[in-house]
Amino acid sequence: MTYRSTVIITQEGKWFVARSAELGVTTQGKTIEEATQNLQEAIDLYLEDAPGEKRLLAHGEPIIRSIEIGRG
């Protein structure tokens, strides 16, 4: 099975930070390539631990959730 993710890469100091826009999984590396490779591994581990979400994502269906944030 193939999973496709949008990767957002930013630089923070000496590190490149890579984040999956769909999953929120984030990692870093000393180079863009290293950050991307680390993200691929992190996403693979994430999907391995989330079989229900993996099933939904495999069919291209988004997961939509709502959250509440309490403010003073």
N, C-alpha and C. Protein backbone atom coordinates (compact mmCIF):
# COMPACT_ATOMS: atom_id res chain seq x y z
N MET A 1 0.85 -1.17 0.00
CA MET A 1 0.00 0.00 0.00
C MET A 1 0.89 1.23 0.00
N THR A 2 0.47 2.25 -0.71
CA THR A 2 1.21 3.50 -0.77
C THR A 2 0.40 4.59 -0.10
N TYR A 3 1.05 5.39 0.71
CA TYR A 3 0.42 6.53 1.36
C TYR A 3 1.13 7.79 0.87
N ARG A 4 0.38 8.78 0.49
CA ARG A 4 0.95 10.04 0.02
C ARG A 4 0.68 11.13 1.05
N SER A 5 1.68 11.93 1.35
CA SER A 5 1.55 12.99 2.34
C SER A 5 2.16 14.27 1.81
N THR A 6 1.58 15.38 2.19
CA THR A 6 2.14 16.69 1.89
C THR A 6 3.17 17.01 2.97
N VAL A 7 4.38 17.33 2.57
CA VAL A 7 5.46 17.59 3.51
C VAL A 7 5.76 19.09 3.55
N ILE A 8 5.77 19.63 4.74
CA ILE A 8 6.12 21.04 4.94
C ILE A 8 7.46 21.07 5.64
N ILE A 9 8.44 21.74 5.03
CA ILE A 9 9.79 21.81 5.59
C ILE A 9 10.13 23.25 5.91
N THR A 10 10.57 23.48 7.13
CA THR A 10 11.02 24.80 7.54
C THR A 10 12.41 24.66 8.16
N GLN A 11 13.12 25.75 8.24
CA GLN A 11 14.43 25.72 8.88
C GLN A 11 14.33 26.44 10.21
N GLU A 12 14.81 25.77 11.25
CA GLU A 12 14.84 26.35 12.59
C GLU A 12 16.27 26.25 13.10
N GLY A 13 16.96 27.35 13.02
CA GLY A 13 18.38 27.34 13.38
C GLY A 13 19.15 26.49 12.39
N LYS A 14 19.90 25.52 12.92
CA LYS A 14 20.70 24.64 12.07
C LYS A 14 19.91 23.42 11.57
N TRP A 15 18.68 23.27 12.02
CA TRP A 15 17.88 22.09 11.71
C TRP A 15 16.80 22.38 10.68
N PHE A 16 16.49 21.35 9.87
CA PHE A 16 15.36 21.39 8.97
C PHE A 16 14.26 20.56 9.62
N VAL A 17 13.08 21.13 9.76
CA VAL A 17 11.96 20.47 10.40
C VAL A 17 10.96 20.08 9.32
N ALA A 18 10.60 18.80 9.29
CA ALA A 18 9.66 18.28 8.30
C ALA A 18 8.40 17.82 9.01
N ARG A 19 7.23 18.23 8.46
CA ARG A 19 5.95 17.89 9.07
C ARG A 19 4.98 17.41 8.01
N SER A 20 4.25 16.35 8.34
CA SER A 20 3.19 15.87 7.47
C SER A 20 1.96 16.73 7.72
N ALA A 21 1.49 17.42 6.69
CA ALA A 21 0.33 18.30 6.83
C ALA A 21 -0.92 17.51 7.20
N GLU A 22 -1.06 16.30 6.69
CA GLU A 22 -2.25 15.50 6.94
C GLU A 22 -2.26 14.85 8.31
N LEU A 23 -1.10 14.41 8.78
CA LEU A 23 -1.04 13.64 10.03
C LEU A 23 -0.51 14.41 11.22
N GLY A 24 0.21 15.49 10.95
CA GLY A 24 0.80 16.25 12.05
C GLY A 24 2.07 15.62 12.61
N VAL A 25 2.56 14.56 11.98
CA VAL A 25 3.81 13.92 12.39
C VAL A 25 4.95 14.87 12.03
N THR A 26 5.87 15.08 12.97
CA THR A 26 6.96 16.03 12.77
C THR A 26 8.28 15.40 13.16
N THR A 27 9.32 15.74 12.42
CA THR A 27 10.67 15.28 12.72
C THR A 27 11.66 16.32 12.21
N GLN A 28 12.95 16.05 12.36
CA GLN A 28 13.96 17.01 11.93
C GLN A 28 15.18 16.29 11.39
N GLY A 29 16.06 17.06 10.76
CA GLY A 29 17.31 16.54 10.25
C GLY A 29 18.27 17.68 9.98
N LYS A 30 19.53 17.33 9.79
CA LYS A 30 20.55 18.35 9.52
C LYS A 30 20.49 18.85 8.08
N THR A 31 19.86 18.07 7.20
CA THR A 31 19.68 18.46 5.80
C THR A 31 18.21 18.25 5.44
N ILE A 32 17.79 18.82 4.32
CA ILE A 32 16.42 18.61 3.86
C ILE A 32 16.18 17.13 3.58
N GLU A 33 17.14 16.50 2.97
CA GLU A 33 17.02 15.08 2.63
C GLU A 33 16.89 14.22 3.90
N GLU A 34 17.71 14.53 4.91
CA GLU A 34 17.66 13.76 6.15
C GLU A 34 16.32 13.98 6.86
N ALA A 35 15.85 15.21 6.88
CA ALA A 35 14.56 15.49 7.52
C ALA A 35 13.43 14.75 6.80
N THR A 36 13.48 14.72 5.46
CA THR A 36 12.46 14.02 4.68
C THR A 36 12.50 12.53 4.94
N GLN A 37 13.70 11.95 4.95
CA GLN A 37 13.84 10.52 5.22
C GLN A 37 13.35 10.18 6.63
N ASN A 38 13.69 11.02 7.60
CA ASN A 38 13.23 10.79 8.97
C ASN A 38 11.71 10.87 9.05
N LEU A 39 11.11 11.76 8.27
CA LEU A 39 9.66 11.88 8.26
C LEU A 39 9.01 10.64 7.65
N GLN A 40 9.61 10.12 6.60
CA GLN A 40 9.08 8.89 6.00
C GLN A 40 9.06 7.77 7.03
N GLU A 41 10.12 7.62 7.79
CA GLU A 41 10.19 6.59 8.82
C GLU A 41 9.17 6.85 9.93
N ALA A 42 9.03 8.11 10.33
CA ALA A 42 8.09 8.46 11.40
C ALA A 42 6.65 8.21 10.97
N ILE A 43 6.32 8.54 9.72
CA ILE A 43 4.96 8.30 9.22
C ILE A 43 4.69 6.81 9.17
N ASP A 44 5.66 6.03 8.72
CA ASP A 44 5.49 4.58 8.65
C ASP A 44 5.19 4.02 10.04
N LEU A 45 5.93 4.46 11.05
CA LEU A 45 5.69 4.00 12.42
C LEU A 45 4.33 4.48 12.92
N TYR A 46 3.96 5.70 12.60
CA TYR A 46 2.67 6.24 13.01
C TYR A 46 1.53 5.41 12.45
N LEU A 47 1.60 5.12 11.15
CA LEU A 47 0.53 4.35 10.51
C LEU A 47 0.49 2.91 11.02
N GLU A 48 1.64 2.38 11.38
CA GLU A 48 1.70 1.03 11.93
C GLU A 48 0.95 0.95 13.25
N ASP A 49 1.01 2.01 14.04
CA ASP A 49 0.36 2.05 15.35
C ASP A 49 -1.07 2.53 15.30
N ALA A 50 -1.56 2.94 14.14
CA ALA A 50 -2.92 3.48 14.02
C ALA A 50 -3.68 2.74 12.92
N PRO A 51 -4.02 1.45 13.17
CA PRO A 51 -4.63 0.66 12.09
C PRO A 51 -5.96 1.21 11.60
N GLY A 52 -6.79 1.79 12.46
CA GLY A 52 -8.07 2.34 12.03
C GLY A 52 -7.87 3.53 11.11
N GLU A 53 -6.97 4.42 11.49
CA GLU A 53 -6.69 5.59 10.66
C GLU A 53 -5.99 5.16 9.37
N LYS A 54 -5.15 4.15 9.47
CA LYS A 54 -4.46 3.67 8.28
C LYS A 54 -5.48 3.19 7.24
N ARG A 55 -6.51 2.50 7.70
CA ARG A 55 -7.55 1.99 6.80
C ARG A 55 -8.27 3.16 6.14
N LEU A 56 -8.63 4.19 6.90
CA LEU A 56 -9.32 5.34 6.33
C LEU A 56 -8.43 6.09 5.34
N LEU A 57 -7.19 6.32 5.72
CA LEU A 57 -6.28 7.08 4.87
C LEU A 57 -5.95 6.34 3.59
N ALA A 58 -5.94 5.01 3.64
CA ALA A 58 -5.63 4.22 2.45
C ALA A 58 -6.68 4.43 1.36
N HIS A 59 -7.89 4.75 1.74
CA HIS A 59 -8.96 4.97 0.78
C HIS A 59 -9.12 6.45 0.42
N GLY A 60 -8.19 7.27 0.89
CA GLY A 60 -8.21 8.69 0.54
C GLY A 60 -9.24 9.50 1.30
N GLU A 61 -9.82 8.93 2.34
CA GLU A 61 -10.83 9.64 3.11
C GLU A 61 -10.15 10.45 4.21
N PRO A 62 -10.47 11.72 4.34
CA PRO A 62 -9.87 12.52 5.40
C PRO A 62 -10.47 12.15 6.75
N ILE A 63 -9.72 12.36 7.78
CA ILE A 63 -10.20 12.20 9.14
C ILE A 63 -10.49 13.61 9.64
N ILE A 64 -11.72 13.84 10.03
CA ILE A 64 -12.12 15.17 10.48
C ILE A 64 -12.49 15.08 11.95
N ARG A 65 -11.88 15.91 12.75
CA ARG A 65 -12.13 15.94 14.18
C ARG A 65 -12.35 17.38 14.61
N SER A 66 -13.07 17.54 15.71
CA SER A 66 -13.19 18.87 16.28
C SER A 66 -12.54 18.86 17.65
N ILE A 67 -12.02 19.99 18.03
CA ILE A 67 -11.42 20.12 19.35
C ILE A 67 -11.96 21.39 20.00
N GLU A 68 -11.91 21.42 21.32
CA GLU A 68 -12.33 22.61 22.05
C GLU A 68 -11.13 23.15 22.80
N ILE A 69 -10.98 24.45 22.76
CA ILE A 69 -9.91 25.10 23.49
C ILE A 69 -10.54 26.08 24.46
N GLY A 70 -10.35 25.84 25.75
CA GLY A 70 -10.92 26.74 26.75
C GLY A 70 -10.06 27.98 26.90
N ARG A 71 -10.69 29.12 26.82
CA ARG A 71 -9.96 30.39 26.96
C ARG A 71 -10.68 31.21 28.01
N GLY A 72 -9.90 31.67 29.00
CA GLY A 72 -10.31 32.51 30.10
C GLY A 72 -11.67 32.97 30.11
